[in-house]
Amino acid sequence: MYTFSTVPPSIRAVPTSGQSTARKGGSVTLECKASGNPVPAIHWTKKSGGTSGTSSPARIGEGPILTLERVDRQHAGVYQCTADNGVGEPVFLDMRLDVL
C-alpha cells in the first residue's frame, strides 16, 4: 500500500545572503528554491516603500526565478518570494536588490 506523505513548504534564497546587486542598465536574476510535498507554487512580489499599508503588493513573477532586465534605480528594494503547496501556511523570504 502506498502512502502519500505531505510536507509543508520551505524555501531558501540564492544567493543565500538574501542580497543581490545589479548595475544600472544590466540584468539581475533572483532565485528562490522551494521544497515540499506536493511541490510548492512560487510567486514574487515587490514590497512597496509606501507607508499607507492599504494596498497589497502586486505579483510580478511566477516560478523560482525572477529576472529583471534593463535594471534602473526604481528596481532597487525588497522582493518577496512566497511558496505555497496547500500544506500548512505559505512561507515567505525577502531578498534585497541594490542598484549601482
PDB file of N, CA and C in Angstrom:
ATOM      1  N   MET A   1       0.846  -1.186   0.000  1.00  0.00           N
ATOM      2  CA  MET A   1       0.000   0.000   0.000  1.00  0.00           C
ATOM      3  C   MET A   1       0.887   1.244   0.000  1.00  0.00           C
ATOM      4  N   TYR A   2       0.584   2.190  -0.862  1.00  0.00           N
ATOM      5  CA  TYR A   2       1.354   3.421  -0.987  1.00  0.00           C
ATOM      6  C   TYR A   2       0.731   4.505  -0.113  1.00  0.00           C
ATOM      7  N   THR A   3       1.580   5.170   0.654  1.00  0.00           N
ATOM      8  CA  THR A   3       1.114   6.268   1.498  1.00  0.00           C
ATOM      9  C   THR A   3       1.685   7.575   0.965  1.00  0.00           C
ATOM     10  N   PHE A   4       0.828   8.543   0.740  1.00  0.00           N
ATOM     11  CA  PHE A   4       1.258   9.856   0.263  1.00  0.00           C
ATOM     12  C   PHE A   4       1.555  10.734   1.470  1.00  0.00           C
ATOM     13  N   SER A   5       2.795  11.131   1.602  1.00  0.00           N
ATOM     14  CA  SER A   5       3.207  11.958   2.738  1.00  0.00           C
ATOM     15  C   SER A   5       3.286  13.418   2.307  1.00  0.00           C
ATOM     16  N   THR A   6       2.621  14.299   3.033  1.00  0.00           N
ATOM     17  CA  THR A   6       2.678  15.722   2.717  1.00  0.00           C
ATOM     18  C   THR A   6       3.712  16.400   3.596  1.00  0.00           C
ATOM     19  N   VAL A   7       4.398  17.371   2.997  1.00  0.00           N
ATOM     20  CA  VAL A   7       5.431  18.125   3.705  1.00  0.00           C
ATOM     21  C   VAL A   7       5.190  19.604   3.441  1.00  0.00           C
ATOM     22  N   PRO A   8       5.075  20.442   4.497  1.00  0.00           N
ATOM     23  CA  PRO A   8       4.894  21.878   4.286  1.00  0.00           C
ATOM     24  C   PRO A   8       6.070  22.463   3.504  1.00  0.00           C
ATOM     25  N   PRO A   9       5.849  23.588   2.826  1.00  0.00           N
ATOM     26  CA  PRO A   9       6.922  24.176   2.032  1.00  0.00           C
ATOM     27  C   PRO A   9       8.030  24.778   2.894  1.00  0.00           C
ATOM     28  N   SER A  10       9.233  24.768   2.331  1.00  0.00           N
ATOM     29  CA  SER A  10      10.357  25.507   2.910  1.00  0.00           C
ATOM     30  C   SER A  10      11.098  26.147   1.742  1.00  0.00           C
ATOM     31  N   ILE A  11      11.748  27.288   1.998  1.00  0.00           N
ATOM     32  CA  ILE A  11      12.444  27.996   0.921  1.00  0.00           C
ATOM     33  C   ILE A  11      13.800  28.480   1.381  1.00  0.00           C
ATOM     34  N   ARG A  12      14.669  28.712   0.388  1.00  0.00           N
ATOM     35  CA  ARG A  12      15.956  29.347   0.651  1.00  0.00           C
ATOM     36  C   ARG A  12      16.303  30.221  -0.538  1.00  0.00           C
ATOM     37  N   ALA A  13      17.064  31.256  -0.255  1.00  0.00           N
ATOM     38  CA  ALA A  13      17.424  32.231  -1.278  1.00  0.00           C
ATOM     39  C   ALA A  13      18.713  31.824  -1.976  1.00  0.00           C
ATOM     40  N   VAL A  14      18.848  32.239  -3.231  1.00  0.00           N
ATOM     41  CA  VAL A  14      20.098  32.139  -3.969  1.00  0.00           C
ATOM     42  C   VAL A  14      20.345  33.522  -4.531  1.00  0.00           C
ATOM     43  N   PRO A  15      21.372  34.267  -4.114  1.00  0.00           N
ATOM     44  CA  PRO A  15      22.401  33.868  -3.155  1.00  0.00           C
ATOM     45  C   PRO A  15      21.833  33.751  -1.735  1.00  0.00           C
ATOM     46  N   THR A  16      22.487  32.952  -0.925  1.00  0.00           N
ATOM     47  CA  THR A  16      21.975  32.661   0.411  1.00  0.00           C
ATOM     48  C   THR A  16      21.967  33.872   1.331  1.00  0.00           C
ATOM     49  N   SER A  17      22.722  34.918   0.985  1.00  0.00           N
ATOM     50  CA  SER A  17      22.739  36.133   1.806  1.00  0.00           C
ATOM     51  C   SER A  17      21.404  36.863   1.749  1.00  0.00           C
ATOM     52  N   GLY A  18      20.612  36.584   0.703  1.00  0.00           N
ATOM     53  CA  GLY A  18      19.345  37.289   0.538  1.00  0.00           C
ATOM     54  C   GLY A  18      19.531  38.687  -0.011  1.00  0.00           C
ATOM     55  N   GLN A  19      20.749  38.982  -0.497  1.00  0.00           N
ATOM     56  CA  GLN A  19      21.034  40.292  -1.079  1.00  0.00           C
ATOM     57  C   GLN A  19      21.674  40.109  -2.440  1.00  0.00           C
ATOM     58  N   SER A  20      21.354  41.023  -3.352  1.00  0.00           N
ATOM     59  CA  SER A  20      21.935  40.988  -4.679  1.00  0.00           C
ATOM     60  C   SER A  20      22.173  42.417  -5.132  1.00  0.00           C
ATOM     61  N   THR A  21      23.159  42.586  -6.000  1.00  0.00           N
ATOM     62  CA  THR A  21      23.489  43.909  -6.518  1.00  0.00           C
ATOM     63  C   THR A  21      23.485  43.855  -8.039  1.00  0.00           C
ATOM     64  N   ALA A  22      22.929  44.882  -8.665  1.00  0.00           N
ATOM     65  CA  ALA A  22      22.905  44.962 -10.124  1.00  0.00           C
ATOM     66  C   ALA A  22      23.404  46.333 -10.551  1.00  0.00           C
ATOM     67  N   ARG A  23      23.996  46.367 -11.735  1.00  0.00           N
ATOM     68  CA  ARG A  23      24.406  47.649 -12.312  1.00  0.00           C
ATOM     69  C   ARG A  23      23.246  48.220 -13.126  1.00  0.00           C
ATOM     70  N   LYS A  24      23.094  49.534 -13.054  1.00  0.00           N
ATOM     71  CA  LYS A  24      22.053  50.209 -13.818  1.00  0.00           C
ATOM     72  C   LYS A  24      22.218  49.858 -15.298  1.00  0.00           C
ATOM     73  N   GLY A  25      21.124  49.462 -15.937  1.00  0.00           N
ATOM     74  CA  GLY A  25      21.143  49.087 -17.343  1.00  0.00           C
ATOM     75  C   GLY A  25      21.406  47.609 -17.582  1.00  0.00           C
ATOM     76  N   GLY A  26      21.846  46.899 -16.566  1.00  0.00           N
ATOM     77  CA  GLY A  26      22.137  45.474 -16.697  1.00  0.00           C
ATOM     78  C   GLY A  26      20.928  44.629 -16.350  1.00  0.00           C
ATOM     79  N   SER A  27      21.185  43.360 -16.117  1.00  0.00           N
ATOM     80  CA  SER A  27      20.107  42.465 -15.704  1.00  0.00           C
ATOM     81  C   SER A  27      20.527  41.745 -14.431  1.00  0.00           C
ATOM     82  N   VAL A  28      19.538  41.230 -13.721  1.00  0.00           N
ATOM     83  CA  VAL A  28      19.807  40.508 -12.477  1.00  0.00           C
ATOM     84  C   VAL A  28      18.789  39.378 -12.350  1.00  0.00           C
ATOM     85  N   THR A  29      19.236  38.286 -11.757  1.00  0.00           N
ATOM     86  CA  THR A  29      18.368  37.137 -11.529  1.00  0.00           C
ATOM     87  C   THR A  29      18.311  36.835 -10.043  1.00  0.00           C
ATOM     88  N   LEU A  30      17.101  36.749  -9.507  1.00  0.00           N
ATOM     89  CA  LEU A  30      16.884  36.337  -8.125  1.00  0.00           C
ATOM     90  C   LEU A  30      16.282  34.941  -8.164  1.00  0.00           C
ATOM     91  N   GLU A  31      16.733  34.085  -7.259  1.00  0.00           N
ATOM     92  CA  GLU A  31      16.240  32.707  -7.263  1.00  0.00           C
ATOM     93  C   GLU A  31      15.781  32.301  -5.879  1.00  0.00           C
ATOM     94  N   CYS A  32      14.665  31.611  -5.849  1.00  0.00           N
ATOM     95  CA  CYS A  32      14.056  31.141  -4.612  1.00  0.00           C
ATOM     96  C   CYS A  32      13.835  29.641  -4.763  1.00  0.00           C
ATOM     97  N   LYS A  33      14.583  28.857  -4.015  1.00  0.00           N
ATOM     98  CA  LYS A  33      14.454  27.400  -4.102  1.00  0.00           C
ATOM     99  C   LYS A  33      13.474  26.932  -3.041  1.00  0.00           C
ATOM    100  N   ALA A  34      12.460  26.219  -3.479  1.00  0.00           N
ATOM    101  CA  ALA A  34      11.428  25.737  -2.560  1.00  0.00           C
ATOM    102  C   ALA A  34      11.349  24.220  -2.618  1.00  0.00           C
ATOM    103  N   SER A  35      11.034  23.644  -1.470  1.00  0.00           N
ATOM    104  CA  SER A  35      10.802  22.205  -1.427  1.00  0.00           C
ATOM    105  C   SER A  35       9.555  21.940  -0.600  1.00  0.00           C
ATOM    106  N   GLY A  36       8.986  20.787  -0.779  1.00  0.00           N
ATOM    107  CA  GLY A  36       7.786  20.383  -0.067  1.00  0.00           C
ATOM    108  C   GLY A  36       7.068  19.313  -0.866  1.00  0.00           C
ATOM    109  N   ASN A  37       6.045  18.731  -0.295  1.00  0.00           N
ATOM    110  CA  ASN A  37       5.268  17.719  -0.988  1.00  0.00           C
ATOM    111  C   ASN A  37       3.790  17.931  -0.660  1.00  0.00           C
ATOM    112  N   PRO A  38       2.980  18.307  -1.654  1.00  0.00           N
ATOM    113  CA  PRO A  38       3.313  18.456  -3.072  1.00  0.00           C
ATOM    114  C   PRO A  38       4.258  19.635  -3.322  1.00  0.00           C
ATOM    115  N   VAL A  39       4.840  19.669  -4.522  1.00  0.00           N
ATOM    116  CA  VAL A  39       5.790  20.724  -4.879  1.00  0.00           C
ATOM    117  C   VAL A  39       5.102  22.082  -4.758  1.00  0.00           C
ATOM    118  N   PRO A  40       5.731  23.032  -4.031  1.00  0.00           N
ATOM    119  CA  PRO A  40       5.103  24.348  -3.834  1.00  0.00           C
ATOM    120  C   PRO A  40       5.057  25.194  -5.109  1.00  0.00           C
ATOM    121  N   ALA A  41       4.010  25.987  -5.228  1.00  0.00           N
ATOM    122  CA  ALA A  41       3.941  27.029  -6.251  1.00  0.00           C
ATOM    123  C   ALA A  41       4.668  28.245  -5.682  1.00  0.00           C
ATOM    124  N   ILE A  42       5.415  28.947  -6.539  1.00  0.00           N
ATOM    125  CA  ILE A  42       6.208  30.099  -6.099  1.00  0.00           C
ATOM    126  C   ILE A  42       5.761  31.333  -6.865  1.00  0.00           C
ATOM    127  N   HIS A  43       5.608  32.454  -6.158  1.00  0.00           N
ATOM    128  CA  HIS A  43       5.384  33.729  -6.831  1.00  0.00           C
ATOM    129  C   HIS A  43       6.189  34.824  -6.139  1.00  0.00           C
ATOM    130  N   TRP A  44       6.395  35.912  -6.873  1.00  0.00           N
ATOM    131  CA  TRP A  44       7.206  37.042  -6.412  1.00  0.00           C
ATOM    132  C   TRP A  44       6.361  38.302  -6.320  1.00  0.00           C
ATOM    133  N   THR A  45       6.646  39.121  -5.313  1.00  0.00           N
ATOM    134  CA  THR A  45       6.076  40.460  -5.199  1.00  0.00           C
ATOM    135  C   THR A  45       7.204  41.415  -4.838  1.00  0.00           C
ATOM    136  N   LYS A  46       7.009  42.690  -5.152  1.00  0.00           N
ATOM    137  CA  LYS A  46       7.965  43.712  -4.713  1.00  0.00           C
ATOM    138  C   LYS A  46       7.295  44.489  -3.599  1.00  0.00           C
ATOM    139  N   LYS A  47       7.987  44.572  -2.467  1.00  0.00           N
ATOM    140  CA  LYS A  47       7.433  45.318  -1.335  1.00  0.00           C
ATOM    141  C   LYS A  47       7.523  46.804  -1.637  1.00  0.00           C
ATOM    142  N   SER A  48       6.454  47.520  -1.323  1.00  0.00           N
ATOM    143  CA  SER A  48       6.418  48.949  -1.571  1.00  0.00           C
ATOM    144  C   SER A  48       7.063  49.695  -0.421  1.00  0.00           C
ATOM    145  N   GLY A  49       7.639  50.825  -0.746  1.00  0.00           N
ATOM    146  CA  GLY A  49       8.251  51.649   0.290  1.00  0.00           C
ATOM    147  C   GLY A  49       7.257  52.599   0.917  1.00  0.00           C
ATOM    148  N   GLY A  50       5.998  52.545   0.466  1.00  0.00           N
ATOM    149  CA  GLY A  50       4.976  53.454   0.979  1.00  0.00           C
ATOM    150  C   GLY A  50       4.584  53.133   2.406  1.00  0.00           C
ATOM    151  N   THR A  51       3.971  54.105   3.063  1.00  0.00           N
ATOM    152  CA  THR A  51       3.588  53.927   4.463  1.00  0.00           C
ATOM    153  C   THR A  51       2.088  53.738   4.642  1.00  0.00           C
ATOM    154  N   SER A  52       1.330  53.783   3.544  1.00  0.00           N
ATOM    155  CA  SER A  52      -0.123  53.702   3.691  1.00  0.00           C
ATOM    156  C   SER A  52      -0.572  52.326   4.171  1.00  0.00           C
ATOM    157  N   GLY A  53       0.062  51.269   3.664  1.00  0.00           N
ATOM    158  CA  GLY A  53      -0.286  49.924   4.084  1.00  0.00           C
ATOM    159  C   GLY A  53      -1.671  49.477   3.650  1.00  0.00           C
ATOM    160  N   THR A  54      -2.331  50.238   2.771  1.00  0.00           N
ATOM    161  CA  THR A  54      -3.694  49.893   2.390  1.00  0.00           C
ATOM    162  C   THR A  54      -3.750  48.985   1.172  1.00  0.00           C
ATOM    163  N   SER A  55      -2.714  48.966   0.369  1.00  0.00           N
ATOM    164  CA  SER A  55      -2.757  48.122  -0.821  1.00  0.00           C
ATOM    165  C   SER A  55      -1.725  47.009  -0.707  1.00  0.00           C
ATOM    166  N   SER A  56      -2.112  45.845  -1.175  1.00  0.00           N
ATOM    167  CA  SER A  56      -1.169  44.737  -1.131  1.00  0.00           C
ATOM    168  C   SER A  56      -0.316  44.778  -2.397  1.00  0.00           C
ATOM    169  N   PRO A  57       0.933  44.313  -2.298  1.00  0.00           N
ATOM    170  CA  PRO A  57       1.807  44.363  -3.467  1.00  0.00           C
ATOM    171  C   PRO A  57       1.294  43.441  -4.574  1.00  0.00           C
ATOM    172  N   ALA A  58       1.506  43.842  -5.811  1.00  0.00           N
ATOM    173  CA  ALA A  58       1.070  43.036  -6.946  1.00  0.00           C
ATOM    174  C   ALA A  58       2.113  41.969  -7.253  1.00  0.00           C
ATOM    175  N   ARG A  59       1.639  40.841  -7.732  1.00  0.00           N
ATOM    176  CA  ARG A  59       2.566  39.795  -8.168  1.00  0.00           C
ATOM    177  C   ARG A  59       3.326  40.291  -9.385  1.00  0.00           C
ATOM    178  N   ILE A  60       4.629  40.037  -9.391  1.00  0.00           N
ATOM    179  CA  ILE A  60       5.437  40.464 -10.527  1.00  0.00           C
ATOM    180  C   ILE A  60       6.092  39.290 -11.231  1.00  0.00           C
ATOM    181  N   GLY A  61       5.932  38.089 -10.701  1.00  0.00           N
ATOM    182  CA  GLY A  61       6.529  36.933 -11.351  1.00  0.00           C
ATOM    183  C   GLY A  61       6.041  35.637 -10.745  1.00  0.00           C
ATOM    184  N   GLU A  62       6.135  34.585 -11.528  1.00  0.00           N
ATOM    185  CA  GLU A  62       5.758  33.243 -11.089  1.00  0.00           C
ATOM    186  C   GLU A  62       6.961  32.333 -11.300  1.00  0.00           C
ATOM    187  N   GLY A  63       7.118  31.359 -10.440  1.00  0.00           N
ATOM    188  CA  GLY A  63       8.197  30.393 -10.590  1.00  0.00           C
ATOM    189  C   GLY A  63       9.406  30.750  -9.750  1.00  0.00           C
ATOM    190  N   PRO A  64      10.385  29.855  -9.695  1.00  0.00           N
ATOM    191  CA  PRO A  64      11.516  30.024  -8.784  1.00  0.00           C
ATOM    192  C   PRO A  64      12.514  31.105  -9.180  1.00  0.00           C
ATOM    193  N   ILE A  65      12.494  31.546 -10.444  1.00  0.00           N
ATOM    194  CA  ILE A  65      13.487  32.516 -10.910  1.00  0.00           C
ATOM    195  C   ILE A  65      12.794  33.794 -11.362  1.00  0.00           C
ATOM    196  N   LEU A  66      13.291  34.924 -10.860  1.00  0.00           N
ATOM    197  CA  LEU A  66      12.810  36.244 -11.271  1.00  0.00           C
ATOM    198  C   LEU A  66      13.974  36.961 -11.937  1.00  0.00           C
ATOM    199  N   THR A  67      13.823  37.305 -13.225  1.00  0.00           N
ATOM    200  CA  THR A  67      14.870  38.015 -13.953  1.00  0.00           C
ATOM    201  C   THR A  67      14.372  39.415 -14.273  1.00  0.00           C
ATOM    202  N   LEU A  68      15.172  40.402 -13.911  1.00  0.00           N
ATOM    203  CA  LEU A  68      14.862  41.804 -14.209  1.00  0.00           C
ATOM    204  C   LEU A  68      15.852  42.288 -15.259  1.00  0.00           C
ATOM    205  N   GLU A  69      15.340  42.848 -16.350  1.00  0.00           N
ATOM    206  CA  GLU A  69      16.166  43.357 -17.445  1.00  0.00           C
ATOM    207  C   GLU A  69      16.224  44.880 -17.391  1.00  0.00           C
ATOM    208  N   ARG A  70      17.276  45.441 -17.962  1.00  0.00           N
ATOM    209  CA  ARG A  70      17.453  46.905 -18.029  1.00  0.00           C
ATOM    210  C   ARG A  70      17.156  47.537 -16.670  1.00  0.00           C
ATOM    211  N   VAL A  71      17.875  47.067 -15.683  1.00  0.00           N
ATOM    212  CA  VAL A  71      17.655  47.493 -14.299  1.00  0.00           C
ATOM    213  C   VAL A  71      17.890  48.994 -14.150  1.00  0.00           C
ATOM    214  N   ASP A  72      17.000  49.637 -13.428  1.00  0.00           N
ATOM    215  CA  ASP A  72      17.115  51.059 -13.109  1.00  0.00           C
ATOM    216  C   ASP A  72      16.967  51.195 -11.596  1.00  0.00           C
ATOM    217  N   ARG A  73      17.202  52.388 -11.092  1.00  0.00           N
ATOM    218  CA  ARG A  73      17.138  52.592  -9.640  1.00  0.00           C
ATOM    219  C   ARG A  73      15.760  52.261  -9.061  1.00  0.00           C
ATOM    220  N   GLN A  74      14.713  52.396  -9.870  1.00  0.00           N
ATOM    221  CA  GLN A  74      13.361  52.069  -9.388  1.00  0.00           C
ATOM    222  C   GLN A  74      13.208  50.578  -9.088  1.00  0.00           C
ATOM    223  N   HIS A  75      14.106  49.750  -9.608  1.00  0.00           N
ATOM    224  CA  HIS A  75      14.067  48.313  -9.322  1.00  0.00           C
ATOM    225  C   HIS A  75      14.650  47.978  -7.954  1.00  0.00           C
ATOM    226  N   ALA A  76      15.413  48.900  -7.375  1.00  0.00           N
ATOM    227  CA  ALA A  76      16.017  48.640  -6.061  1.00  0.00           C
ATOM    228  C   ALA A  76      14.915  48.467  -5.022  1.00  0.00           C
ATOM    229  N   GLY A  77      15.165  47.608  -4.062  1.00  0.00           N
ATOM    230  CA  GLY A  77      14.187  47.408  -2.997  1.00  0.00           C
ATOM    231  C   GLY A  77      14.153  45.970  -2.535  1.00  0.00           C
ATOM    232  N   VAL A  78      13.066  45.627  -1.873  1.00  0.00           N
ATOM    233  CA  VAL A  78      12.918  44.290  -1.299  1.00  0.00           C
ATOM    234  C   VAL A  78      11.880  43.508  -2.102  1.00  0.00           C
ATOM    235  N   TYR A  79      12.301  42.356  -2.573  1.00  0.00           N
ATOM    236  CA  TYR A  79      11.435  41.442  -3.311  1.00  0.00           C
ATOM    237  C   TYR A  79      11.100  40.271  -2.399  1.00  0.00           C
ATOM    238  N   GLN A  80       9.853  39.834  -2.445  1.00  0.00           N
ATOM    239  CA  GLN A  80       9.435  38.737  -1.582  1.00  0.00           C
ATOM    240  C   GLN A  80       9.028  37.534  -2.427  1.00  0.00           C
ATOM    241  N   CYS A  81       9.619  36.408  -2.068  1.00  0.00           N
ATOM    242  CA  CYS A  81       9.292  35.126  -2.679  1.00  0.00           C
ATOM    243  C   CYS A  81       8.320  34.414  -1.739  1.00  0.00           C
ATOM    244  N   THR A  82       7.239  33.881  -2.286  1.00  0.00           N
ATOM    245  CA  THR A  82       6.253  33.141  -1.497  1.00  0.00           C
ATOM    246  C   THR A  82       6.113  31.739  -2.076  1.00  0.00           C
ATOM    247  N   ALA A  83       6.191  30.739  -1.205  1.00  0.00           N
ATOM    248  CA  ALA A  83       5.998  29.345  -1.619  1.00  0.00           C
ATOM    249  C   ALA A  83       4.789  28.783  -0.881  1.00  0.00           C
ATOM    250  N   ASP A  84       3.894  28.140  -1.637  1.00  0.00           N
ATOM    251  CA  ASP A  84       2.672  27.590  -1.041  1.00  0.00           C
ATOM    252  C   ASP A  84       2.314  26.283  -1.739  1.00  0.00           C
ATOM    253  N   ASN A  85       2.068  25.257  -0.951  1.00  0.00           N
ATOM    254  CA  ASN A  85       1.624  23.988  -1.532  1.00  0.00           C
ATOM    255  C   ASN A  85       0.335  23.483  -0.890  1.00  0.00           C
ATOM    256  N   GLY A  86      -0.327  24.348  -0.120  1.00  0.00           N
ATOM    257  CA  GLY A  86      -1.586  23.969   0.494  1.00  0.00           C
ATOM    258  C   GLY A  86      -1.441  23.133   1.757  1.00  0.00           C
ATOM    259  N   VAL A  87      -0.206  22.867   2.171  1.00  0.00           N
ATOM    260  CA  VAL A  87       0.053  22.111   3.402  1.00  0.00           C
ATOM    261  C   VAL A  87       0.621  23.094   4.418  1.00  0.00           C
ATOM    262  N   GLY A  88      -0.081  23.347   5.468  1.00  0.00           N
ATOM    263  CA  GLY A  88       0.371  24.354   6.427  1.00  0.00           C
ATOM    264  C   GLY A  88       0.232  25.744   5.831  1.00  0.00           C
ATOM    265  N   GLU A  89       0.977  26.677   6.396  1.00  0.00           N
ATOM    266  CA  GLU A  89       0.925  28.067   5.943  1.00  0.00           C
ATOM    267  C   GLU A  89       1.954  28.312   4.839  1.00  0.00           C
ATOM    268  N   PRO A  90       1.682  29.274   3.926  1.00  0.00           N
ATOM    269  CA  PRO A  90       2.699  29.662   2.951  1.00  0.00           C
ATOM    270  C   PRO A  90       3.928  30.207   3.681  1.00  0.00           C
ATOM    271  N   VAL A  91       5.096  30.087   3.060  1.00  0.00           N
ATOM    272  CA  VAL A  91       6.322  30.632   3.638  1.00  0.00           C
ATOM    273  C   VAL A  91       6.833  31.750   2.739  1.00  0.00           C
ATOM    274  N   PHE A  92       7.494  32.728   3.360  1.00  0.00           N
ATOM    275  CA  PHE A  92       7.950  33.932   2.678  1.00  0.00           C
ATOM    276  C   PHE A  92       9.443  34.115   2.893  1.00  0.00           C
ATOM    277  N   LEU A  93      10.090  34.735   1.901  1.00  0.00           N
ATOM    278  CA  LEU A  93      11.502  35.060   2.016  1.00  0.00           C
ATOM    279  C   LEU A  93      11.739  36.393   1.336  1.00  0.00           C
ATOM    280  N   ASP A  94      12.372  37.333   2.041  1.00  0.00           N
ATOM    281  CA  ASP A  94      12.685  38.641   1.475  1.00  0.00           C
ATOM    282  C   ASP A  94      14.095  38.645   0.910  1.00  0.00           C
ATOM    283  N   MET A  95      14.248  39.277  -0.261  1.00  0.00           N
ATOM    284  CA  MET A  95      15.557  39.444  -0.884  1.00  0.00           C
ATOM    285  C   MET A  95      15.719  40.909  -1.255  1.00  0.00           C
ATOM    286  N   ARG A  96      16.852  41.490  -0.880  1.00  0.00           N
ATOM    287  CA  ARG A  96      17.109  42.904  -1.161  1.00  0.00           C
ATOM    288  C   ARG A  96      17.925  43.038  -2.438  1.00  0.00           C
ATOM    289  N   LEU A  97      17.499  43.975  -3.295  1.00  0.00           N
ATOM    290  CA  LEU A  97      18.235  44.290  -4.514  1.00  0.00           C
ATOM    291  C   LEU A  97      18.742  45.719  -4.424  1.00  0.00           C
ATOM    292  N   ASP A  98      20.049  45.882  -4.577  1.00  0.00           N
ATOM    293  CA  ASP A  98      20.669  47.203  -4.638  1.00  0.00           C
ATOM    294  C   ASP A  98      21.088  47.462  -6.076  1.00  0.00           C
ATOM    295  N   VAL A  99      20.902  48.690  -6.556  1.00  0.00           N
ATOM    296  CA  VAL A  99      21.268  49.066  -7.921  1.00  0.00           C
ATOM    297  C   VAL A  99      22.363  50.115  -7.856  1.00  0.00           C
ATOM    298  N   LEU A 100      23.464  49.839  -8.562  1.00  0.00           N
ATOM    299  CA  LEU A 100      24.610  50.760  -8.581  1.00  0.00           C
ATOM    300  C   LEU A 100      24.547  51.681  -9.778  1.00  0.00           C
TER     301      LEU A 100
END
